[in-house]
């Protein structure tokens, strides 16, 4: 990657990774595939699952089935890699389903990871540390720079640019406002540098 590309503002490349192809693909009916054909990704941003909530979802799936399809991508070796919907996948496995509805999309590694990170950040049970790690990872993948470089560049941003960055995260990537508040609060606390929290 050239230095010129690396020097672009953080918010200049923050757009939804699925913005263009999503509309026509979501309109298509979901397909039923064997749950044995679906494989979990090697790089999984989610590490914690609330057991009680998962059991409640399992009971719901046993009664009503899966109402929202899983998002998968085809694997070169056959089968599919799960991109979004791991809670539903785990609950479906627990409930004994043999087939699940999926939407199949052609995604590269970067696009798949971005969608997985965004879905993870939209969870209600995230703690501030998980939110901070997730947003840093998302910025790292989206901007194609290492996490330490993202942190270094965040240190140098002024309030006006931070506001623009937050708006990009909110509107293009649907990051929850409370997640951003937690992110900047913890980021400021850990770095011992104020980062314009007065507008959050």
Protein backbone atom coordinates (compact mmCIF):
# COMPACT_ATOMS: atom_id res chain seq x y z
CA UNK A 1 0.00 0.00 0.00
CA UNK A 2 1.37 3.42 -0.93
CA UNK A 3 2.00 6.11 1.72
CA UNK A 4 -0.46 8.39 -0.03
CA UNK A 5 -3.33 5.97 0.49
CA UNK A 6 -2.38 5.43 4.12
CA UNK A 7 -2.52 9.18 4.75
CA UNK A 8 -6.18 9.56 3.78
CA UNK A 9 -8.52 10.73 6.56
CA UNK A 10 -9.93 7.91 8.67
CA UNK A 11 -13.50 8.73 7.66
CA UNK A 12 -12.77 8.82 3.91
CA UNK A 13 -13.06 5.04 3.47
CA UNK A 14 -15.82 4.32 6.02
CA UNK A 15 -18.67 3.01 3.90
CA UNK A 16 -20.85 -0.05 4.25
CA UNK A 17 -19.06 -3.06 2.72
CA UNK A 18 -22.34 -4.42 1.31
CA UNK A 19 -23.87 -1.10 0.16
CA UNK A 20 -24.02 -1.80 -3.58
CA UNK A 21 -24.85 -5.50 -3.95
CA UNK A 22 -27.08 -5.99 -0.93
CA UNK A 23 -30.44 -4.77 -2.24
CA UNK A 24 -30.84 -7.23 -5.11
CA UNK A 25 -29.41 -10.15 -3.14
CA UNK A 26 -31.61 -9.70 -0.10
CA UNK A 27 -34.63 -9.52 -2.37
CA UNK A 28 -33.91 -13.06 -3.52
CA UNK A 29 -35.49 -15.89 -1.56
CA UNK A 30 -33.28 -17.63 0.98
CA UNK A 31 -32.09 -21.15 0.23
CA UNK A 32 -32.28 -24.14 2.54
CA UNK A 33 -28.94 -25.89 3.10
CA UNK A 34 -27.81 -28.70 5.35
CA UNK A 35 -26.47 -27.37 8.63
CA UNK A 36 -23.55 -29.80 8.23
CA UNK A 37 -22.41 -27.82 5.17
CA UNK A 38 -21.94 -24.63 7.21
CA UNK A 39 -18.55 -24.03 8.82
CA UNK A 40 -17.57 -21.40 11.38
CA UNK A 41 -14.92 -18.90 10.22
CA UNK A 42 -11.35 -19.22 11.46
CA UNK A 43 -11.32 -15.55 12.48
CA UNK A 44 -14.34 -15.14 14.75
CA UNK A 45 -14.82 -11.72 16.39
CA UNK A 46 -17.37 -12.98 18.91
CA UNK A 47 -15.97 -14.83 21.92
CA UNK A 48 -18.82 -14.72 24.46
CA UNK A 49 -22.37 -16.06 24.24
CA UNK A 50 -24.97 -15.58 26.96
CA UNK A 51 -26.09 -19.12 27.77
CA UNK A 52 -29.55 -18.13 29.00
CA UNK A 53 -30.24 -15.98 25.94
CA UNK A 54 -28.99 -18.78 23.70
CA UNK A 55 -31.29 -21.27 25.39
CA UNK A 56 -34.24 -18.91 24.93
CA UNK A 57 -33.40 -18.59 21.24
CA UNK A 58 -33.15 -22.37 20.96
CA UNK A 59 -36.64 -22.73 22.44
CA UNK A 60 -37.97 -20.10 20.04
CA UNK A 61 -36.44 -21.88 17.04
CA UNK A 62 -37.90 -25.19 18.20
CA UNK A 63 -41.36 -23.58 18.17
CA UNK A 64 -41.18 -21.21 15.21
CA UNK A 65 -38.10 -22.13 13.19
CA UNK A 66 -35.47 -19.63 12.02
CA UNK A 67 -37.19 -16.41 10.97
CA UNK A 68 -34.09 -14.58 9.73
CA UNK A 69 -31.74 -16.39 7.31
CA UNK A 70 -28.06 -16.83 8.08
CA UNK A 71 -25.54 -15.07 5.86
CA UNK A 72 -22.92 -17.38 4.34
CA UNK A 73 -20.36 -17.41 1.57
CA UNK A 74 -19.36 -20.41 -0.57
CA UNK A 75 -16.04 -22.11 0.18
CA UNK A 76 -13.70 -23.22 -2.63
CA UNK A 77 -13.48 -26.67 -1.04
CA UNK A 78 -17.26 -27.00 -0.84
CA UNK A 79 -19.83 -26.04 1.75
CA UNK A 80 -20.27 -22.57 3.20
CA UNK A 81 -18.61 -20.29 5.72
CA UNK A 82 -20.87 -18.56 8.23
CA UNK A 83 -20.60 -14.76 8.06
CA UNK A 84 -23.51 -13.53 10.19
CA UNK A 85 -25.95 -15.33 12.46
CA UNK A 86 -23.79 -17.48 14.74
CA UNK A 87 -26.33 -17.35 17.59
CA UNK A 88 -29.01 -18.68 15.24
CA UNK A 89 -26.59 -21.31 13.94
CA UNK A 90 -25.73 -22.52 17.45
CA UNK A 91 -29.37 -22.50 18.52
CA UNK A 92 -30.41 -24.38 15.38
CA UNK A 93 -27.72 -26.99 16.04
CA UNK A 94 -28.87 -27.32 19.65
CA UNK A 95 -32.51 -27.69 18.59
CA UNK A 96 -31.66 -30.50 16.18
CA UNK A 97 -32.46 -28.77 12.88
CA UNK A 98 -30.87 -30.46 9.88
CA UNK A 99 -31.47 -27.60 7.41
CA UNK A 100 -31.38 -23.84 7.86
CA UNK A 101 -32.32 -20.90 5.60
CA UNK A 102 -29.33 -18.97 4.26
CA UNK A 103 -28.50 -16.12 1.94
CA UNK A 104 -25.40 -16.96 -0.08
CA UNK A 105 -23.09 -14.12 -1.06
CA UNK A 106 -19.76 -13.97 -2.83
CA UNK A 107 -17.49 -12.10 -0.39
CA UNK A 108 -13.75 -11.71 -0.10
CA UNK A 109 -12.01 -12.14 3.26
CA UNK A 110 -12.06 -8.42 4.06
CA UNK A 111 -15.77 -8.00 3.29
CA UNK A 112 -16.68 -11.11 5.28
CA UNK A 113 -14.72 -9.96 8.33
CA UNK A 114 -16.22 -6.47 8.18
CA UNK A 115 -19.77 -7.80 8.16
CA UNK A 116 -18.98 -10.19 11.03
CA UNK A 117 -17.44 -7.35 13.05
CA UNK A 118 -20.41 -5.06 12.44
CA UNK A 119 -22.91 -7.73 13.45
CA UNK A 120 -20.90 -8.34 16.61
CA UNK A 121 -20.85 -4.62 17.45
CA UNK A 122 -24.65 -4.46 17.20
CA UNK A 123 -25.09 -6.91 20.07
CA UNK A 124 -26.79 -5.63 23.22
CA UNK A 125 -24.59 -7.60 25.65
CA UNK A 126 -21.20 -6.21 24.61
CA UNK A 127 -19.02 -4.82 27.36
CA UNK A 128 -16.98 -1.62 26.76
CA UNK A 129 -13.72 -3.52 26.22
CA UNK A 130 -15.30 -5.74 23.54
CA UNK A 131 -16.82 -2.65 21.88
CA UNK A 132 -13.46 -0.87 21.83
CA UNK A 133 -11.64 -3.90 20.42
CA UNK A 134 -14.36 -4.41 17.80
CA UNK A 135 -14.33 -0.81 16.55
CA UNK A 136 -10.52 -0.79 16.37
CA UNK A 137 -10.58 -4.06 14.41
CA UNK A 138 -13.26 -2.71 12.08
CA UNK A 139 -11.28 0.47 11.40
CA UNK A 140 -8.16 -1.62 10.86
CA UNK A 141 -9.84 -3.85 8.28
CA UNK A 142 -11.69 -1.03 6.55
CA UNK A 143 -8.65 1.26 6.31
CA UNK A 144 -6.23 -1.61 5.57
CA UNK A 145 -3.79 -0.59 8.28
CA UNK A 146 -2.74 -2.41 11.50
CA UNK A 147 -4.61 -1.72 14.74
CA UNK A 148 -1.57 0.07 16.29
CA UNK A 149 -1.56 2.46 13.31
CA UNK A 150 -5.29 3.13 13.80
CA UNK A 151 -4.62 3.97 17.45
CA UNK A 152 -1.72 6.23 16.51
CA UNK A 153 -3.83 8.13 13.99
CA UNK A 154 -6.75 8.48 16.41
CA UNK A 155 -4.41 10.18 18.86
CA UNK A 156 -3.69 12.87 16.27
CA UNK A 157 -7.29 13.67 15.32
CA UNK A 158 -8.93 16.92 16.36
CA UNK A 159 -12.54 17.20 17.54
CA UNK A 160 -13.96 18.17 14.15
CA UNK A 161 -12.48 15.13 12.43
CA UNK A 162 -13.58 12.88 15.30
CA UNK A 163 -17.16 14.09 14.86
CA UNK A 164 -16.99 13.26 11.14
CA UNK A 165 -15.53 9.84 11.91
CA UNK A 166 -18.31 9.11 14.41
CA UNK A 167 -20.99 10.13 11.92
CA UNK A 168 -19.42 7.80 9.35
CA UNK A 169 -19.46 4.93 11.84
CA UNK A 170 -23.04 5.70 12.87
CA UNK A 171 -24.63 6.14 9.45
CA UNK A 172 -22.57 3.94 7.13
CA UNK A 173 -21.81 1.05 9.47
CA UNK A 174 -24.75 1.30 11.91
CA UNK A 175 -22.54 1.34 15.00
CA UNK A 176 -24.71 2.04 18.04
CA UNK A 177 -24.28 5.50 19.66
CA UNK A 178 -23.68 3.95 23.09
CA UNK A 179 -20.91 1.79 21.60
CA UNK A 180 -19.17 4.91 20.32
CA UNK A 181 -19.48 6.58 23.70
CA UNK A 182 -17.94 3.56 25.39
CA UNK A 183 -15.24 3.37 22.73
CA UNK A 184 -14.04 6.95 23.05
CA UNK A 185 -14.35 6.99 26.82
CA UNK A 186 -12.26 3.84 27.23
CA UNK A 187 -9.85 4.89 24.50
CA UNK A 188 -9.28 8.22 26.27
CA UNK A 189 -8.94 6.53 29.65
CA UNK A 190 -6.39 4.00 28.44
CA UNK A 191 -4.35 6.54 26.49
CA UNK A 192 -4.54 9.24 29.21
CA UNK A 193 -5.33 11.75 26.48
CA UNK A 194 -8.56 13.67 26.09
CA UNK A 195 -10.26 12.96 22.76
CA UNK A 196 -13.12 15.46 22.65
CA UNK A 197 -15.64 13.59 24.80
CA UNK A 198 -17.56 16.81 25.51
CA UNK A 199 -19.60 16.29 22.37
CA UNK A 200 -20.46 12.64 23.05
